[in-house]
Amino acid sequence: MTEELDPTAQDSDGGSEEVVLTPAELIENLEQEENLRRAKKGDLKVSIHRMEMERIRYVLSSYLRCRLMKIEKFFPHILEKEKTAHEGELSSLSPEELVFAKQYMANTETYLKNVALKHMPPNLQMVDLLRSVPKPDLDSYVFLRVKERQENILVEPETDEQRDYVIDLEEGSQHLIRYKTIAPLVASGAVQLI
């Protein structure tokens, strides 16, 4: 699933099926719209700035749509990850997204009970959404750009004939690698999905 939206966004979800941090810089750029109201009417810079604000708004709404699609697709796993996260860890969901995910799960459970489960025998009236909904594919390949030099990254083999090997990621370099291998680096901000 490749939902690359903006190469300048610092925390893009890239091709990962996992939900990563939201792009705070895009939101900050939208807050600068008040500066436009103070500028002269008819100024070319104002027109260009307005076009850029509309582009940013479009990119942000597309990005948020992709995030909501991922939340809808993997909601039990995302909520389980949020439950098991340690207190010091940053949440990969905004407070609004967390509320959305919880409501989506509650609505899904209610719908299943009202439409299907109540018509089944009592021993089949329970459904484990965590087992029923597919997990994000962390073995999918993603493109990344290295923001901070990383040494001794263990790359697991794809087949039994291959062996583990270690690579170094140089700052500014770009790579195509399995998401599972670099997920901790994405979370720490050392690499950026593109």
C-alpha atoms as a PDB file:
ATOM      1  CA  MET A   1       0.000   0.000   0.000  1.00  0.00           C
ATOM      2  CA  THR A   2       1.844   3.111  -1.147  1.00  0.00           C
ATOM      3  CA  GLU A   3       0.265   6.355  -0.074  1.00  0.00           C
ATOM      4  CA  GLU A   4       3.161   8.772  -0.584  1.00  0.00           C
ATOM      5  CA  LEU A   5       1.643  12.196  -0.423  1.00  0.00           C
ATOM      6  CA  ASP A   6       4.310  14.817   0.053  1.00  0.00           C
ATOM      7  CA  PRO A   7       8.065  14.293  -0.028  1.00  0.00           C
ATOM      8  CA  THR A   8       8.530  17.323   2.240  1.00  0.00           C
ATOM      9  CA  ALA A   9       6.324  15.921   5.026  1.00  0.00           C
ATOM     10  CA  GLN A  10       8.538  14.895   7.923  1.00  0.00           C
ATOM     11  CA  ASP A  11       6.449  12.022   9.264  1.00  0.00           C
ATOM     12  CA  SER A  12       4.870  10.482   6.196  1.00  0.00           C
ATOM     13  CA  ASP A  13       3.293   7.039   6.397  1.00  0.00           C
ATOM     14  CA  GLY A  14       5.092   6.155   3.175  1.00  0.00           C
ATOM     15  CA  GLY A  15       4.357   2.671   1.939  1.00  0.00           C
ATOM     16  CA  SER A  16       3.923   1.237   5.394  1.00  0.00           C
ATOM     17  CA  GLU A  17       0.654  -0.353   6.402  1.00  0.00           C
ATOM     18  CA  GLU A  18       1.320   0.733   9.979  1.00  0.00           C
ATOM     19  CA  VAL A  19       0.054   4.090  11.216  1.00  0.00           C
ATOM     20  CA  VAL A  20       2.962   6.377  12.130  1.00  0.00           C
ATOM     21  CA  LEU A  21       3.050   9.878  13.608  1.00  0.00           C
ATOM     22  CA  THR A  22       0.982  12.731  12.135  1.00  0.00           C
ATOM     23  CA  PRO A  23       2.640  15.544  10.123  1.00  0.00           C
ATOM     24  CA  ALA A  24       2.610  18.415  12.609  1.00  0.00           C
ATOM     25  CA  GLU A  25       4.431  20.739  10.200  1.00  0.00           C
ATOM     26  CA  LEU A  26       1.555  20.664   7.699  1.00  0.00           C
ATOM     27  CA  ILE A  27      -0.883  21.631  10.430  1.00  0.00           C
ATOM     28  CA  GLU A  28       1.399  24.493  11.518  1.00  0.00           C
ATOM     29  CA  ASN A  29       1.553  25.723   7.911  1.00  0.00           C
ATOM     30  CA  LEU A  30      -2.241  25.914   7.781  1.00  0.00           C
ATOM     31  CA  GLU A  31      -2.232  28.032  10.931  1.00  0.00           C
ATOM     32  CA  GLN A  32      -0.152  30.646   9.070  1.00  0.00           C
ATOM     33  CA  GLU A  33      -3.153  31.437   6.890  1.00  0.00           C
ATOM     34  CA  GLU A  34      -3.911  34.399   9.151  1.00  0.00           C
ATOM     35  CA  ASN A  35      -0.850  36.147   7.651  1.00  0.00           C
ATOM     36  CA  LEU A  36      -2.659  36.200   4.302  1.00  0.00           C
ATOM     37  CA  ARG A  37      -5.492  38.302   5.683  1.00  0.00           C
ATOM     38  CA  ARG A  38      -3.051  41.081   6.614  1.00  0.00           C
ATOM     39  CA  ALA A  39      -1.361  41.201   3.187  1.00  0.00           C
ATOM     40  CA  LYS A  40      -2.320  43.542   0.343  1.00  0.00           C
ATOM     41  CA  LYS A  41      -5.046  42.445  -2.030  1.00  0.00           C
ATOM     42  CA  GLY A  42      -3.877  41.709  -5.586  1.00  0.00           C
ATOM     43  CA  ASP A  43      -0.249  41.061  -4.594  1.00  0.00           C
ATOM     44  CA  LEU A  44       1.281  38.205  -6.595  1.00  0.00           C
ATOM     45  CA  LYS A  45       2.946  36.813  -3.473  1.00  0.00           C
ATOM     46  CA  VAL A  46      -0.445  36.549  -1.790  1.00  0.00           C
ATOM     47  CA  SER A  47      -1.870  34.647  -4.748  1.00  0.00           C
ATOM     48  CA  ILE A  48       1.054  32.210  -4.778  1.00  0.00           C
ATOM     49  CA  HIS A  49       0.854  31.811  -1.013  1.00  0.00           C
ATOM     50  CA  ARG A  50      -2.889  31.050  -1.258  1.00  0.00           C
ATOM     51  CA  MET A  51      -2.224  28.411  -3.911  1.00  0.00           C
ATOM     52  CA  GLU A  52       0.421  26.846  -1.678  1.00  0.00           C
ATOM     53  CA  MET A  53      -2.007  26.841   1.274  1.00  0.00           C
ATOM     54  CA  GLU A  54      -4.623  25.076  -0.868  1.00  0.00           C
ATOM     55  CA  ARG A  55      -2.027  22.507  -1.955  1.00  0.00           C
ATOM     56  CA  ILE A  56      -1.044  21.885   1.662  1.00  0.00           C
ATOM     57  CA  ARG A  57      -4.704  21.575   2.671  1.00  0.00           C
ATOM     58  CA  TYR A  58      -5.262  19.034  -0.133  1.00  0.00           C
ATOM     59  CA  VAL A  59      -2.159  17.013   0.819  1.00  0.00           C
ATOM     60  CA  LEU A  60      -3.130  17.054   4.481  1.00  0.00           C
ATOM     61  CA  SER A  61      -6.702  15.924   3.816  1.00  0.00           C
ATOM     62  CA  SER A  62      -5.429  13.129   1.528  1.00  0.00           C
ATOM     63  CA  TYR A  63      -2.933  12.092   4.173  1.00  0.00           C
ATOM     64  CA  LEU A  64      -5.587  12.032   6.891  1.00  0.00           C
ATOM     65  CA  ARG A  65      -7.929  10.052   4.611  1.00  0.00           C
ATOM     66  CA  CYS A  66      -5.185   7.436   4.163  1.00  0.00           C
ATOM     67  CA  ARG A  67      -4.645   7.299   7.929  1.00  0.00           C
ATOM     68  CA  LEU A  68      -8.378   6.792   8.536  1.00  0.00           C
ATOM     69  CA  MET A  69      -8.438   4.020   5.920  1.00  0.00           C
ATOM     70  CA  LYS A  70      -5.565   2.298   7.742  1.00  0.00           C
ATOM     71  CA  ILE A  71      -7.342   2.723  11.081  1.00  0.00           C
ATOM     72  CA  GLU A  72     -10.537   1.220   9.639  1.00  0.00           C
ATOM     73  CA  LYS A  73      -8.610  -1.647   8.056  1.00  0.00           C
ATOM     74  CA  PHE A  74      -6.501  -2.580  11.118  1.00  0.00           C
ATOM     75  CA  PHE A  75      -8.471  -1.095  14.049  1.00  0.00           C
ATOM     76  CA  PRO A  76      -8.208  -3.993  16.550  1.00  0.00           C
ATOM     77  CA  HIS A  77      -4.437  -4.244  16.087  1.00  0.00           C
ATOM     78  CA  ILE A  78      -3.943  -0.490  16.345  1.00  0.00           C
ATOM     79  CA  LEU A  79      -6.002  -0.330  19.550  1.00  0.00           C
ATOM     80  CA  GLU A  80      -4.112  -3.306  20.981  1.00  0.00           C
ATOM     81  CA  LYS A  81      -0.814  -1.576  20.213  1.00  0.00           C
ATOM     82  CA  GLU A  82      -2.078   1.579  21.945  1.00  0.00           C
ATOM     83  CA  LYS A  83      -3.079  -0.450  25.027  1.00  0.00           C
ATOM     84  CA  THR A  84       0.289  -2.150  25.316  1.00  0.00           C
ATOM     85  CA  ALA A  85       2.348   1.008  24.691  1.00  0.00           C
ATOM     86  CA  HIS A  86       4.473   2.161  27.592  1.00  0.00           C
ATOM     87  CA  GLU A  87       3.628   5.462  29.276  1.00  0.00           C
ATOM     88  CA  GLY A  88       6.682   7.331  27.941  1.00  0.00           C
ATOM     89  CA  GLU A  89       6.087   6.288  24.318  1.00  0.00           C
ATOM     90  CA  LEU A  90       4.492   8.656  21.858  1.00  0.00           C
ATOM     91  CA  SER A  91       1.145   7.506  20.535  1.00  0.00           C
ATOM     92  CA  SER A  92       0.977   6.907  16.806  1.00  0.00           C
ATOM     93  CA  LEU A  93      -2.604   8.223  16.871  1.00  0.00           C
ATOM     94  CA  SER A  94      -3.864  11.696  17.587  1.00  0.00           C
ATOM     95  CA  PRO A  95      -6.484  11.923  20.370  1.00  0.00           C
ATOM     96  CA  GLU A  96      -9.205  12.321  17.728  1.00  0.00           C
ATOM     97  CA  GLU A  97      -7.993   9.268  15.817  1.00  0.00           C
ATOM     98  CA  LEU A  98      -7.939   7.229  19.011  1.00  0.00           C
ATOM     99  CA  VAL A  99     -11.555   8.214  19.712  1.00  0.00           C
ATOM    100  CA  PHE A 100     -12.438   7.346  16.102  1.00  0.00           C
ATOM    101  CA  ALA A 101     -10.771   3.923  16.376  1.00  0.00           C
ATOM    102  CA  LYS A 102     -12.580   3.125  19.642  1.00  0.00           C
ATOM    103  CA  GLN A 103     -15.935   4.234  18.218  1.00  0.00           C
ATOM    104  CA  TYR A 104     -15.298   2.288  15.024  1.00  0.00           C
ATOM    105  CA  MET A 105     -14.575  -0.857  17.045  1.00  0.00           C
ATOM    106  CA  ALA A 106     -17.682  -0.376  19.209  1.00  0.00           C
ATOM    107  CA  ASN A 107     -19.844   0.237  16.126  1.00  0.00           C
ATOM    108  CA  THR A 108     -18.414  -2.810  14.354  1.00  0.00           C
ATOM    109  CA  GLU A 109     -19.071  -5.046  17.373  1.00  0.00           C
ATOM    110  CA  THR A 110     -22.625  -3.686  17.727  1.00  0.00           C
ATOM    111  CA  TYR A 111     -23.306  -4.196  14.030  1.00  0.00           C
ATOM    112  CA  LEU A 112     -21.991  -7.763  14.094  1.00  0.00           C
ATOM    113  CA  LYS A 113     -24.106  -8.592  17.158  1.00  0.00           C
ATOM    114  CA  ASN A 114     -27.293  -7.051  15.757  1.00  0.00           C
ATOM    115  CA  VAL A 115     -26.999  -8.369  12.220  1.00  0.00           C
ATOM    116  CA  ALA A 116     -25.313 -11.752  12.430  1.00  0.00           C
ATOM    117  CA  LEU A 117     -24.275 -13.032  15.839  1.00  0.00           C
ATOM    118  CA  LYS A 118     -27.704 -12.914  17.486  1.00  0.00           C
ATOM    119  CA  HIS A 119     -28.965 -15.334  14.828  1.00  0.00           C
ATOM    120  CA  MET A 120     -26.245 -17.896  15.539  1.00  0.00           C
ATOM    121  CA  PRO A 121     -26.119 -20.618  18.176  1.00  0.00           C
ATOM    122  CA  PRO A 122     -24.986 -19.371  21.611  1.00  0.00           C
ATOM    123  CA  ASN A 123     -21.575 -21.063  21.358  1.00  0.00           C
ATOM    124  CA  LEU A 124     -20.804 -19.064  18.180  1.00  0.00           C
ATOM    125  CA  GLN A 125     -22.031 -15.659  19.356  1.00  0.00           C
ATOM    126  CA  MET A 126     -18.566 -14.389  20.291  1.00  0.00           C
ATOM    127  CA  VAL A 127     -16.140 -12.981  17.742  1.00  0.00           C
ATOM    128  CA  ASP A 128     -12.505 -12.088  18.408  1.00  0.00           C
ATOM    129  CA  LEU A 129     -11.857  -9.099  16.169  1.00  0.00           C
ATOM    130  CA  LEU A 130      -8.137  -9.243  16.895  1.00  0.00           C
ATOM    131  CA  ARG A 131      -7.986 -12.662  15.224  1.00  0.00           C
ATOM    132  CA  SER A 132     -10.621 -11.905  12.575  1.00  0.00           C
ATOM    133  CA  VAL A 133      -9.126  -8.709  11.153  1.00  0.00           C
ATOM    134  CA  PRO A 134      -5.870  -9.045   9.180  1.00  0.00           C
ATOM    135  CA  LYS A 135      -2.704  -7.604  10.704  1.00  0.00           C
ATOM    136  CA  PRO A 136      -0.694  -4.910   8.933  1.00  0.00           C
ATOM    137  CA  ASP A 137       1.906  -6.489   6.662  1.00  0.00           C
ATOM    138  CA  LEU A 138       5.150  -5.422   8.322  1.00  0.00           C
ATOM    139  CA  ASP A 139       7.111  -7.493   5.810  1.00  0.00           C
ATOM    140  CA  SER A 140       6.170  -5.166   2.956  1.00  0.00           C
ATOM    141  CA  TYR A 141       8.960  -3.146   1.387  1.00  0.00           C
ATOM    142  CA  VAL A 142       9.137   0.627   1.805  1.00  0.00           C
ATOM    143  CA  PHE A 143      11.349   3.386   0.463  1.00  0.00           C
ATOM    144  CA  LEU A 144      13.178   5.408   3.085  1.00  0.00           C
ATOM    145  CA  ARG A 145      15.585   8.307   3.399  1.00  0.00           C
ATOM    146  CA  VAL A 146      18.130   8.214   6.211  1.00  0.00           C
ATOM    147  CA  LYS A 147      18.121  11.332   8.386  1.00  0.00           C
ATOM    148  CA  GLU A 148      20.746  10.157  10.913  1.00  0.00           C
ATOM    149  CA  ARG A 149      23.581   7.691  10.287  1.00  0.00           C
ATOM    150  CA  GLN A 150      22.705   4.215  11.591  1.00  0.00           C
ATOM    151  CA  GLU A 151      25.185   1.394  12.053  1.00  0.00           C
ATOM    152  CA  ASN A 152      24.781  -2.358  12.385  1.00  0.00           C
ATOM    153  CA  ILE A 153      21.192  -2.721  11.211  1.00  0.00           C
ATOM    154  CA  LEU A 154      20.363  -6.430  11.154  1.00  0.00           C
ATOM    155  CA  VAL A 155      18.538  -7.468   7.996  1.00  0.00           C
ATOM    156  CA  GLU A 156      16.726 -10.778   8.334  1.00  0.00           C
ATOM    157  CA  PRO A 157      16.793 -13.211   5.389  1.00  0.00           C
ATOM    158  CA  GLU A 158      13.799 -13.652   3.129  1.00  0.00           C
ATOM    159  CA  THR A 159      14.432 -17.336   2.512  1.00  0.00           C
ATOM    160  CA  ASP A 160      16.013 -20.191   4.451  1.00  0.00           C
ATOM    161  CA  GLU A 161      18.964 -20.333   2.023  1.00  0.00           C
ATOM    162  CA  GLN A 162      20.055 -16.813   2.951  1.00  0.00           C
ATOM    163  CA  ARG A 163      21.762 -15.680   6.142  1.00  0.00           C
ATOM    164  CA  ASP A 164      21.269 -12.613   8.302  1.00  0.00           C
ATOM    165  CA  TYR A 165      23.482  -9.702   7.376  1.00  0.00           C
ATOM    166  CA  VAL A 166      24.266  -6.282   8.821  1.00  0.00           C
ATOM    167  CA  ILE A 167      24.165  -2.974   6.944  1.00  0.00           C
ATOM    168  CA  ASP A 168      25.072   0.620   7.752  1.00  0.00           C
ATOM    169  CA  LEU A 169      22.720   3.411   6.702  1.00  0.00           C
ATOM    170  CA  GLU A 170      24.529   6.617   5.721  1.00  0.00           C
ATOM    171  CA  GLU A 171      22.854   9.974   6.321  1.00  0.00           C
ATOM    172  CA  GLY A 172      21.022  11.191   3.192  1.00  0.00           C
ATOM    173  CA  SER A 173      21.022   7.776   1.511  1.00  0.00           C
ATOM    174  CA  GLN A 174      17.849   6.156   0.202  1.00  0.00           C
ATOM    175  CA  HIS A 175      16.945   2.502   0.501  1.00  0.00           C
ATOM    176  CA  LEU A 176      14.247  -0.042  -0.306  1.00  0.00           C
ATOM    177  CA  ILE A 177      13.924  -2.338   2.698  1.00  0.00           C
ATOM    178  CA  ARG A 178      11.330  -4.323   4.650  1.00  0.00           C
ATOM    179  CA  TYR A 179       9.358  -2.161   7.054  1.00  0.00           C
ATOM    180  CA  LYS A 180       9.780  -4.587   9.961  1.00  0.00           C
ATOM    181  CA  THR A 181      13.551  -4.074   9.835  1.00  0.00           C
ATOM    182  CA  ILE A 182      13.418  -0.293  10.170  1.00  0.00           C
ATOM    183  CA  ALA A 183      10.182   0.217  12.165  1.00  0.00           C
ATOM    184  CA  PRO A 184      12.069   1.287  15.342  1.00  0.00           C
ATOM    185  CA  LEU A 185      14.084   3.795  13.288  1.00  0.00           C
ATOM    186  CA  VAL A 186      10.901   5.264  11.828  1.00  0.00           C
ATOM    187  CA  ALA A 187       9.467   5.647  15.338  1.00  0.00           C
ATOM    188  CA  SER A 188      12.647   7.363  16.572  1.00  0.00           C
ATOM    189  CA  GLY A 189      12.799   9.709  13.569  1.00  0.00           C
ATOM    190  CA  ALA A 190      16.207   8.442  12.382  1.00  0.00           C
ATOM    191  CA  VAL A 191      14.738   7.529   8.973  1.00  0.00           C
ATOM    192  CA  GLN A 192      11.863   8.957   6.957  1.00  0.00           C
ATOM    193  CA  LEU A 193       9.533   6.952   4.744  1.00  0.00           C
ATOM    194  CA  ILE A 194       9.250   8.383   1.226  1.00  0.00           C
END
